C-alpha atoms as a PDB file:
ATOM      1  CA  MET A   1       5.016 -58.789 -56.157  1.00  0.00           C
ATOM      2  CA  MET A   2       4.793 -55.599 -54.393  1.00  0.00           C
ATOM      3  CA  THR A   3       7.855 -54.838 -51.746  1.00  0.00           C
ATOM      4  CA  ASP A   4       6.467 -51.541 -50.206  1.00  0.00           C
ATOM      5  CA  PRO A   5       2.428 -51.419 -50.214  1.00  0.00           C
ATOM      6  CA  ILE A   6       2.550 -47.933 -48.443  1.00  0.00           C
ATOM      7  CA  ALA A   7       4.722 -46.391 -51.403  1.00  0.00           C
ATOM      8  CA  ASP A   8       2.254 -47.863 -53.893  1.00  0.00           C
ATOM      9  CA  MET A   9      -0.984 -46.477 -51.763  1.00  0.00           C
ATOM     10  CA  LEU A  10       0.691 -42.800 -51.718  1.00  0.00           C
ATOM     11  CA  THR A  11       1.736 -42.902 -55.453  1.00  0.00           C
ATOM     12  CA  ARG A  12      -1.742 -44.044 -56.500  1.00  0.00           C
ATOM     13  CA  LEU A  13      -3.029 -40.970 -54.414  1.00  0.00           C
ATOM     14  CA  ARG A  14      -0.543 -38.823 -55.709  1.00  0.00           C
ATOM     15  CA  ASN A  15      -1.354 -39.581 -59.190  1.00  0.00           C
ATOM     16  CA  ALA A  16      -4.920 -39.614 -58.642  1.00  0.00           C
ATOM     17  CA  ALA A  17      -4.761 -36.229 -57.305  1.00  0.00           C
ATOM     18  CA  GLN A  18      -2.695 -34.695 -60.211  1.00  0.00           C
ATOM     19  CA  ALA A  19      -4.923 -36.189 -62.867  1.00  0.00           C
ATOM     20  CA  GLY A  20      -8.072 -35.053 -61.345  1.00  0.00           C
ATOM     21  CA  HIS A  21      -9.804 -37.862 -60.230  1.00  0.00           C
ATOM     22  CA  ARG A  22     -12.698 -38.304 -57.983  1.00  0.00           C
ATOM     23  CA  TRP A  23     -11.350 -41.316 -55.980  1.00  0.00           C
ATOM     24  CA  ALA A  24      -8.227 -43.657 -56.260  1.00  0.00           C
ATOM     25  CA  ASP A  25      -8.606 -47.573 -55.816  1.00  0.00           C
ATOM     26  CA  MET A  26      -6.163 -49.585 -53.994  1.00  0.00           C
ATOM     27  CA  PRO A  27      -5.687 -52.874 -52.841  1.00  0.00           C
ATOM     28  CA  VAL A  28      -6.635 -53.415 -49.184  1.00  0.00           C
ATOM     29  CA  SER A  29      -4.603 -54.015 -45.833  1.00  0.00           C
ATOM     30  CA  LYS A  30      -5.184 -53.306 -42.233  1.00  0.00           C
ATOM     31  CA  LEU A  31      -2.147 -50.501 -42.439  1.00  0.00           C
ATOM     32  CA  LYS A  32      -3.747 -48.938 -45.493  1.00  0.00           C
ATOM     33  CA  ILE A  33      -7.059 -48.513 -43.826  1.00  0.00           C
ATOM     34  CA  GLU A  34      -5.244 -47.026 -40.762  1.00  0.00           C
ATOM     35  CA  VAL A  35      -3.422 -44.395 -42.819  1.00  0.00           C
ATOM     36  CA  ALA A  36      -6.523 -43.591 -45.130  1.00  0.00           C
ATOM     37  CA  ARG A  37      -8.333 -42.916 -41.654  1.00  0.00           C
ATOM     38  CA  ILE A  38      -5.595 -40.310 -40.730  1.00  0.00           C
ATOM     39  CA  LEU A  39      -5.913 -39.020 -43.836  1.00  0.00           C
ATOM     40  CA  LYS A  40      -9.481 -38.243 -43.356  1.00  0.00           C
ATOM     41  CA  GLU A  41      -9.232 -37.246 -39.868  1.00  0.00           C
ATOM     42  CA  ALA A  42      -6.702 -34.447 -40.721  1.00  0.00           C
ATOM     43  CA  HIS A  43      -8.933 -33.214 -43.674  1.00  0.00           C
ATOM     44  CA  PHE A  44      -6.763 -34.481 -46.494  1.00  0.00           C
ATOM     45  CA  VAL A  45      -9.269 -36.717 -48.089  1.00  0.00           C
ATOM     46  CA  PHE A  46     -13.002 -36.786 -48.076  1.00  0.00           C
ATOM     47  CA  ASP A  47     -13.668 -40.363 -47.216  1.00  0.00           C
ATOM     48  CA  TYR A  48     -12.693 -43.811 -47.879  1.00  0.00           C
ATOM     49  CA  LYS A  49     -14.563 -47.266 -48.339  1.00  0.00           C
ATOM     50  CA  GLN A  50     -13.722 -50.912 -48.206  1.00  0.00           C
ATOM     51  CA  LEU A  51     -15.311 -52.337 -51.385  1.00  0.00           C
ATOM     52  CA  ASP A  52     -15.638 -56.347 -51.841  1.00  0.00           C
ATOM     53  CA  ASP A  53     -14.552 -57.117 -55.294  1.00  0.00           C
ATOM     54  CA  GLY A  54     -14.537 -61.061 -54.571  1.00  0.00           C
ATOM     55  CA  GLY A  55     -11.044 -61.096 -53.685  1.00  0.00           C
ATOM     56  CA  HIS A  56      -9.012 -59.679 -51.227  1.00  0.00           C
ATOM     57  CA  GLY A  57     -10.933 -56.488 -51.370  1.00  0.00           C
ATOM     58  CA  VAL A  58      -9.918 -52.880 -52.803  1.00  0.00           C
ATOM     59  CA  LEU A  59      -9.606 -49.705 -50.566  1.00  0.00           C
ATOM     60  CA  ARG A  60     -11.397 -46.616 -52.459  1.00  0.00           C
ATOM     61  CA  VAL A  61     -10.177 -43.250 -51.066  1.00  0.00           C
ATOM     62  CA  TYR A  62     -12.221 -40.374 -52.164  1.00  0.00           C
ATOM     63  CA  LEU A  63     -10.005 -37.150 -52.725  1.00  0.00           C
ATOM     64  CA  LYS A  64     -10.641 -33.753 -51.444  1.00  0.00           C
ATOM     65  CA  TYR A  65     -10.272 -30.384 -53.990  1.00  0.00           C
ATOM     66  CA  HIS A  66     -10.535 -26.815 -53.339  1.00  0.00           C
ATOM     67  CA  GLU A  67     -11.242 -24.404 -56.354  1.00  0.00           C
ATOM     68  CA  GLY A  68     -10.191 -27.279 -58.699  1.00  0.00           C
ATOM     69  CA  GLN A  69      -6.738 -27.760 -56.863  1.00  0.00           C
ATOM     70  CA  PRO A  70      -6.345 -30.953 -54.981  1.00  0.00           C
ATOM     71  CA  ILE A  71      -5.907 -30.553 -51.077  1.00  0.00           C
ATOM     72  CA  ILE A  72      -2.948 -32.868 -50.818  1.00  0.00           C
ATOM     73  CA  ARG A  73       0.146 -31.134 -52.698  1.00  0.00           C
ATOM     74  CA  GLU A  74       2.749 -33.603 -51.724  1.00  0.00           C
ATOM     75  CA  LEU A  75       3.131 -37.269 -50.232  1.00  0.00           C
ATOM     76  CA  LYS A  76       6.594 -38.103 -49.422  1.00  0.00           C
ATOM     77  CA  ARG A  77       7.627 -41.622 -48.339  1.00  0.00           C
ATOM     78  CA  VAL A  78      10.189 -41.441 -45.450  1.00  0.00           C
ATOM     79  CA  SER A  79      10.856 -44.750 -44.345  1.00  0.00           C
ATOM     80  CA  THR A  80      11.500 -47.544 -46.733  1.00  0.00           C
ATOM     81  CA  PRO A  81      11.971 -51.771 -46.677  1.00  0.00           C
ATOM     82  CA  GLY A  82      15.287 -51.176 -47.376  1.00  0.00           C
ATOM     83  CA  ARG A  83      16.016 -48.223 -44.950  1.00  0.00           C
ATOM     84  CA  ARG A  84      13.526 -47.839 -42.114  1.00  0.00           C
ATOM     85  CA  ARG A  85      13.627 -44.427 -40.223  1.00  0.00           C
ATOM     86  CA  TYR A  86      12.908 -44.367 -36.773  1.00  0.00           C
ATOM     87  CA  VAL A  87      12.163 -41.231 -34.391  1.00  0.00           C
ATOM     88  CA  ALA A  88      11.798 -40.185 -30.872  1.00  0.00           C
ATOM     89  CA  ALA A  89       8.770 -38.119 -29.723  1.00  0.00           C
ATOM     90  CA  ASP A  90      10.759 -35.288 -29.646  1.00  0.00           C
ATOM     91  CA  GLU A  91      12.238 -35.639 -32.997  1.00  0.00           C
ATOM     92  CA  ILE A  92       8.899 -35.695 -34.816  1.00  0.00           C
ATOM     93  CA  PRO A  93       9.418 -33.224 -37.659  1.00  0.00           C
ATOM     94  CA  ARG A  94       6.758 -30.325 -38.048  1.00  0.00           C
ATOM     95  CA  VAL A  95       5.829 -30.453 -41.561  1.00  0.00           C
ATOM     96  CA  ARG A  96       5.473 -27.112 -43.444  1.00  0.00           C
ATOM     97  CA  ASN A  97       5.221 -25.247 -40.069  1.00  0.00           C
ATOM     98  CA  GLY A  98       2.138 -27.300 -38.933  1.00  0.00           C
ATOM     99  CA  LEU A  99       0.180 -27.260 -42.386  1.00  0.00           C
ATOM    100  CA  GLY A 100       1.208 -30.744 -43.217  1.00  0.00           C
ATOM    101  CA  MET A 101       1.636 -33.645 -41.056  1.00  0.00           C
ATOM    102  CA  ALA A 102       3.880 -36.695 -40.658  1.00  0.00           C
ATOM    103  CA  ILE A 103       2.691 -40.430 -40.295  1.00  0.00           C
ATOM    104  CA  LEU A 104       3.809 -42.756 -37.912  1.00  0.00           C
ATOM    105  CA  SER A 105       3.440 -46.125 -37.027  1.00  0.00           C
ATOM    106  CA  THR A 106       3.762 -46.515 -33.077  1.00  0.00           C
ATOM    107  CA  SER A 107       3.273 -49.287 -30.500  1.00  0.00           C
ATOM    108  CA  ARG A 108      -0.164 -47.414 -29.961  1.00  0.00           C
ATOM    109  CA  GLY A 109      -1.175 -48.190 -33.711  1.00  0.00           C
ATOM    110  CA  VAL A 110      -0.627 -45.644 -36.336  1.00  0.00           C
ATOM    111  CA  LEU A 111      -0.778 -42.096 -35.445  1.00  0.00           C
ATOM    112  CA  SER A 112      -0.693 -38.524 -36.768  1.00  0.00           C
ATOM    113  CA  GLY A 113       2.836 -36.897 -35.999  1.00  0.00           C
ATOM    114  CA  GLN A 114       0.514 -34.368 -33.621  1.00  0.00           C
ATOM    115  CA  ASP A 115      -1.198 -37.495 -31.714  1.00  0.00           C
ATOM    116  CA  ALA A 116       1.931 -39.095 -31.278  1.00  0.00           C
ATOM    117  CA  ARG A 117       3.955 -36.034 -29.826  1.00  0.00           C
ATOM    118  CA  LYS A 118       0.834 -35.525 -27.377  1.00  0.00           C
ATOM    119  CA  ALA A 119       0.926 -39.211 -26.316  1.00  0.00           C
ATOM    120  CA  GLY A 120       4.758 -39.243 -25.947  1.00  0.00           C
ATOM    121  CA  VAL A 121       5.485 -41.961 -28.238  1.00  0.00           C
ATOM    122  CA  GLY A 122       8.084 -42.196 -31.268  1.00  0.00           C
ATOM    123  CA  GLY A 123       7.911 -44.784 -33.844  1.00  0.00           C
ATOM    124  CA  GLU A 124       8.781 -45.242 -37.502  1.00  0.00           C
ATOM    125  CA  LEU A 125       8.043 -42.645 -39.671  1.00  0.00           C
ATOM    126  CA  MET A 126       6.293 -43.520 -42.582  1.00  0.00           C
ATOM    127  CA  ALA A 127       5.255 -40.417 -44.597  1.00  0.00           C
ATOM    128  CA  LEU A 128       5.107 -36.751 -44.670  1.00  0.00           C
ATOM    129  CA  ILE A 129       1.980 -35.109 -46.222  1.00  0.00           C
ATOM    130  CA  TRP A 130       1.220 -31.403 -46.984  1.00  0.00           C
END
């Protein structure tokens, strides 16, 4: 039984990028699709697709590389099931002086740190990516 599916997703992406794979497969969920959408909008991944495997489904995230190096340098899970971390809109961290991004789960859905700041909403700080 998996207790933290988002940490599993980030670990699969991190491992696939370090191994030089073109994509990473993981069990699908609505939250993971939203995280993949934000990664695509921020140009950290090339694309994502939901595949039907006859069961629950698979989320395939296509990784992006520049000159043989993965675009995603680091993925860090901040809020865990055992210790949730919530931030207000003015406490959302700037990651690597704007080169990275934060992913938040807010009352308006899953948003990047920049979008949450613009909307003036805080929420659960799920992950940091650079």
